[in-house]
Protein backbone atom coordinates (compact mmCIF):
# COMPACT_ATOMS: atom_id res chain seq x y z
CA UNK A 1 0.00 0.00 0.00
CA UNK A 2 1.43 3.40 -0.93
CA UNK A 3 2.35 5.83 1.85
CA UNK A 4 0.82 9.26 2.37
CA UNK A 5 3.33 10.86 0.00
CA UNK A 6 2.78 8.39 -2.85
CA UNK A 7 2.18 9.90 -6.31
CA UNK A 8 -1.46 10.21 -7.21
CA UNK A 9 -2.80 9.76 -3.67
CA UNK A 10 -5.23 12.42 -2.47
CA UNK A 11 -4.74 14.02 0.91
CA UNK A 12 -7.20 16.29 2.69
CA UNK A 13 -6.06 19.15 4.84
CA UNK A 14 -8.02 22.17 6.08
CA UNK A 15 -10.92 21.43 3.74
CA UNK A 16 -8.68 21.25 0.66
CA UNK A 17 -7.72 18.14 -1.30
CA UNK A 18 -4.09 17.77 -2.38
CA UNK A 19 -2.55 15.26 -4.79
CA UNK A 20 1.01 14.30 -3.94
CA UNK A 21 3.41 14.57 -6.85
CA UNK A 22 6.44 13.34 -4.91
CA UNK A 23 7.79 9.86 -5.23
CA UNK A 24 8.12 7.84 -2.08
CA UNK A 25 11.52 8.42 -0.52
CA UNK A 26 12.37 11.29 -2.89
CA UNK A 27 14.43 14.06 -1.34
CA UNK A 28 12.67 17.38 -1.02
CA UNK A 29 14.79 20.19 -2.49
CA UNK A 30 15.80 22.79 0.08
CA UNK A 31 17.03 26.30 -0.36
CA UNK A 32 20.60 26.97 0.59
CA UNK A 33 21.44 29.66 3.06
CA UNK A 34 23.61 32.48 1.90
CA UNK A 35 26.81 32.54 3.81
CA UNK A 36 28.48 35.79 4.52
CA UNK A 37 32.18 35.79 3.61
CA UNK A 38 34.73 35.45 6.34
CA UNK A 39 35.89 38.81 7.63
CA UNK A 40 39.32 38.34 6.10
CA UNK A 41 37.85 37.60 2.64
CA UNK A 42 35.36 40.47 2.55
CA UNK A 43 36.08 43.46 0.37
CA UNK A 44 35.97 46.74 2.23
CA UNK A 45 32.82 48.79 1.74
CA UNK A 46 33.21 51.91 -0.37
CA UNK A 47 34.48 54.75 1.74
CA UNK A 48 32.11 57.59 2.48
CA UNK A 49 34.02 60.76 1.72
CA UNK A 50 32.40 63.22 4.05
CA UNK A 51 35.75 64.92 4.49
CA UNK A 52 36.06 65.63 0.75
CA UNK A 53 36.33 69.44 0.61
CA UNK A 54 34.73 69.63 -2.84
CA UNK A 55 31.36 68.10 -1.92
CA UNK A 56 30.79 67.99 1.85
CA UNK A 57 27.26 67.07 2.96
CA UNK A 58 25.15 70.21 3.12
CA UNK A 59 27.09 72.01 0.37
CA UNK A 60 25.11 73.75 -2.38
CA UNK A 61 25.94 72.69 -5.94
CA UNK A 62 24.64 73.59 -9.40
CA UNK A 63 23.87 71.13 -12.21
CA UNK A 64 23.23 72.18 -15.83
CA UNK A 65 19.83 70.43 -16.05
CA UNK A 66 18.60 70.11 -12.45
CA UNK A 67 19.68 73.53 -11.15
CA UNK A 68 20.78 74.12 -7.56
CA UNK A 69 20.75 71.34 -5.02
CA UNK A 70 22.11 70.25 -1.65
CA UNK A 71 24.67 67.44 -1.29
CA UNK A 72 23.31 64.68 0.96
CA UNK A 73 26.15 62.14 0.76
CA UNK A 74 29.21 61.10 -1.22
CA UNK A 75 30.07 57.40 -1.69
CA UNK A 76 33.04 55.78 -3.37
CA UNK A 77 36.44 56.95 -4.47
CA UNK A 78 37.96 58.61 -7.49
CA UNK A 79 36.07 59.82 -10.57
CA UNK A 80 33.49 57.01 -10.18
CA UNK A 81 32.30 58.35 -6.80
CA UNK A 82 28.55 58.78 -6.46
CA UNK A 83 27.11 62.01 -5.11
CA UNK A 84 23.56 62.04 -3.75
CA UNK A 85 22.03 65.49 -4.26
CA UNK A 86 18.55 66.81 -3.44
CA UNK A 87 17.26 69.21 -6.09
CA UNK A 88 14.21 71.35 -5.23
CA UNK A 89 12.24 70.66 -8.42
CA UNK A 90 13.64 67.20 -9.27
CA UNK A 91 14.03 65.43 -5.92
CA UNK A 92 16.98 63.19 -5.02
CA UNK A 93 19.44 62.27 -7.76
CA UNK A 94 22.50 60.01 -7.48
CA UNK A 95 25.13 61.39 -9.85
CA UNK A 96 28.52 60.03 -10.89
CA UNK A 97 31.09 62.75 -10.36
CA UNK A 98 32.91 62.46 -13.70
CA UNK A 99 29.65 62.83 -15.69
CA UNK A 100 27.74 65.23 -13.44
CA UNK A 101 29.79 68.41 -14.03
CA UNK A 102 28.68 69.84 -10.71
CA UNK A 103 29.69 73.37 -9.80
CA UNK A 104 30.01 74.35 -6.15
CA UNK A 105 27.97 77.48 -5.35
């Protein structure tokens, strides 16, 4: 006689009928846990350059399209750094420094 998990056998639970599609003794696939890397293997997070004199948080900058805005944060290093700016009419924008052409006001 097939067990409760035999293919084709109906099971009732909570007023619903279920047909088992698993074979008897078949392993049920499980999701793997993500493991965080060991501390020695982890790459350092991008540095937050709040001490960068060009774009300190709170500084007012001007963009050709978005107008004047306030620097909220600066993440990363070098020309690829990302600058989060709040513009009055356009909201928050994350700009890459080398493409943004920001002018400090």
